[in-house]
C-alpha atoms as a PDB file:
ATOM      1  CA  MET A   1     -26.164  38.250  93.068  1.00  0.00           C
ATOM      2  CA  PHE A   2     -27.135  41.890  93.575  1.00  0.00           C
ATOM      3  CA  LEU A   3     -26.961  42.678  89.868  1.00  0.00           C
ATOM      4  CA  ALA A   4     -28.464  39.374  88.705  1.00  0.00           C
ATOM      5  CA  MET A   5     -31.875  39.801  90.341  1.00  0.00           C
ATOM      6  CA  PRO A   6     -33.101  42.667  88.101  1.00  0.00           C
ATOM      7  CA  PHE A   7     -32.025  40.649  85.036  1.00  0.00           C
ATOM      8  CA  GLN A   8     -33.979  37.618  86.216  1.00  0.00           C
ATOM      9  CA  ASN A   9     -37.083  39.675  86.980  1.00  0.00           C
ATOM     10  CA  ILE A  10     -37.013  41.464  83.627  1.00  0.00           C
ATOM     11  CA  LEU A  11     -36.403  38.170  81.822  1.00  0.00           C
ATOM     12  CA  VAL A  12     -39.529  36.636  83.369  1.00  0.00           C
ATOM     13  CA  VAL A  13     -41.666  39.625  82.371  1.00  0.00           C
ATOM     14  CA  MET A  14     -40.258  39.692  78.836  1.00  0.00           C
ATOM     15  CA  ALA A  15     -40.778  35.965  78.372  1.00  0.00           C
ATOM     16  CA  GLU A  16     -44.393  36.148  79.478  1.00  0.00           C
ATOM     17  CA  GLU A  17     -45.484  39.432  77.896  1.00  0.00           C
ATOM     18  CA  THR A  18     -43.302  39.803  74.803  1.00  0.00           C
ATOM     19  CA  TRP A  19     -42.874  36.214  73.653  1.00  0.00           C
ATOM     20  CA  GLN A  20     -45.994  34.722  75.346  1.00  0.00           C
ATOM     21  CA  THR A  21     -44.065  31.782  76.764  1.00  0.00           C
ATOM     22  CA  GLY A  22     -44.506  30.143  80.115  1.00  0.00           C
ATOM     23  CA  GLU A  23     -42.085  28.605  82.537  1.00  0.00           C
ATOM     24  CA  SER A  24     -40.333  26.620  79.831  1.00  0.00           C
ATOM     25  CA  GLY A  25     -39.570  29.799  77.879  1.00  0.00           C
ATOM     26  CA  VAL A  26     -38.070  31.424  80.966  1.00  0.00           C
ATOM     27  CA  GLY A  27     -35.935  28.340  81.525  1.00  0.00           C
ATOM     28  CA  ILE A  28     -34.689  28.355  77.949  1.00  0.00           C
ATOM     29  CA  LEU A  29     -33.794  32.057  78.131  1.00  0.00           C
ATOM     30  CA  MET A  30     -31.920  31.606  81.422  1.00  0.00           C
ATOM     31  CA  ALA A  31     -30.114  28.565  80.034  1.00  0.00           C
ATOM     32  CA  ALA A  32     -29.096  30.576  76.966  1.00  0.00           C
ATOM     33  CA  GLY A  33     -27.530  33.187  79.240  1.00  0.00           C
ATOM     34  CA  GLY A  34     -25.641  30.503  81.145  1.00  0.00           C
ATOM     35  CA  ILE A  35     -24.421  28.821  77.975  1.00  0.00           C
ATOM     36  CA  GLY A  36     -23.244  32.182  76.656  1.00  0.00           C
ATOM     37  CA  GLY A  37     -21.329  32.776  79.874  1.00  0.00           C
ATOM     38  CA  VAL A  38     -19.577  29.422  79.643  1.00  0.00           C
ATOM     39  CA  ILE A  39     -18.699  29.939  75.976  1.00  0.00           C
ATOM     40  CA  GLY A  40     -17.353  33.406  76.761  1.00  0.00           C
ATOM     41  CA  ALA A  41     -15.242  32.083  79.635  1.00  0.00           C
ATOM     42  CA  LEU A  42     -13.819  29.312  77.459  1.00  0.00           C
ATOM     43  CA  TRP A  43     -13.019  31.805  74.694  1.00  0.00           C
ATOM     44  CA  ILE A  44     -11.184  34.104  77.124  1.00  0.00           C
ATOM     45  CA  ALA A  45      -9.276  31.140  78.583  1.00  0.00           C
ATOM     46  CA  LYS A  46      -8.302  29.933  75.103  1.00  0.00           C
ATOM     47  CA  LYS A  47      -7.178  33.407  74.082  1.00  0.00           C
ATOM     48  CA  GLY A  48      -4.639  33.368  76.911  1.00  0.00           C
ATOM     49  CA  ASP A  49      -2.041  35.969  77.775  1.00  0.00           C
ATOM     50  CA  ASN A  50      -1.093  38.215  74.893  1.00  0.00           C
ATOM     51  CA  GLY A  51       1.926  39.905  76.438  1.00  0.00           C
ATOM     52  CA  GLY A  52       0.109  42.502  78.512  1.00  0.00           C
ATOM     53  CA  THR A  53      -1.518  44.422  75.685  1.00  0.00           C
END
């Protein structure tokens, strides 16, 4: 949680000032980060143990 707060604050500022989106744009960007995390976790789980290397 400590490291996530700066990301969330910067994401809100970037969504409003860089891409001129409102609350829906912030929600889409946060959802994209969550979806990427789930996909990454599934990829690591599928990769499995490779013999310690």
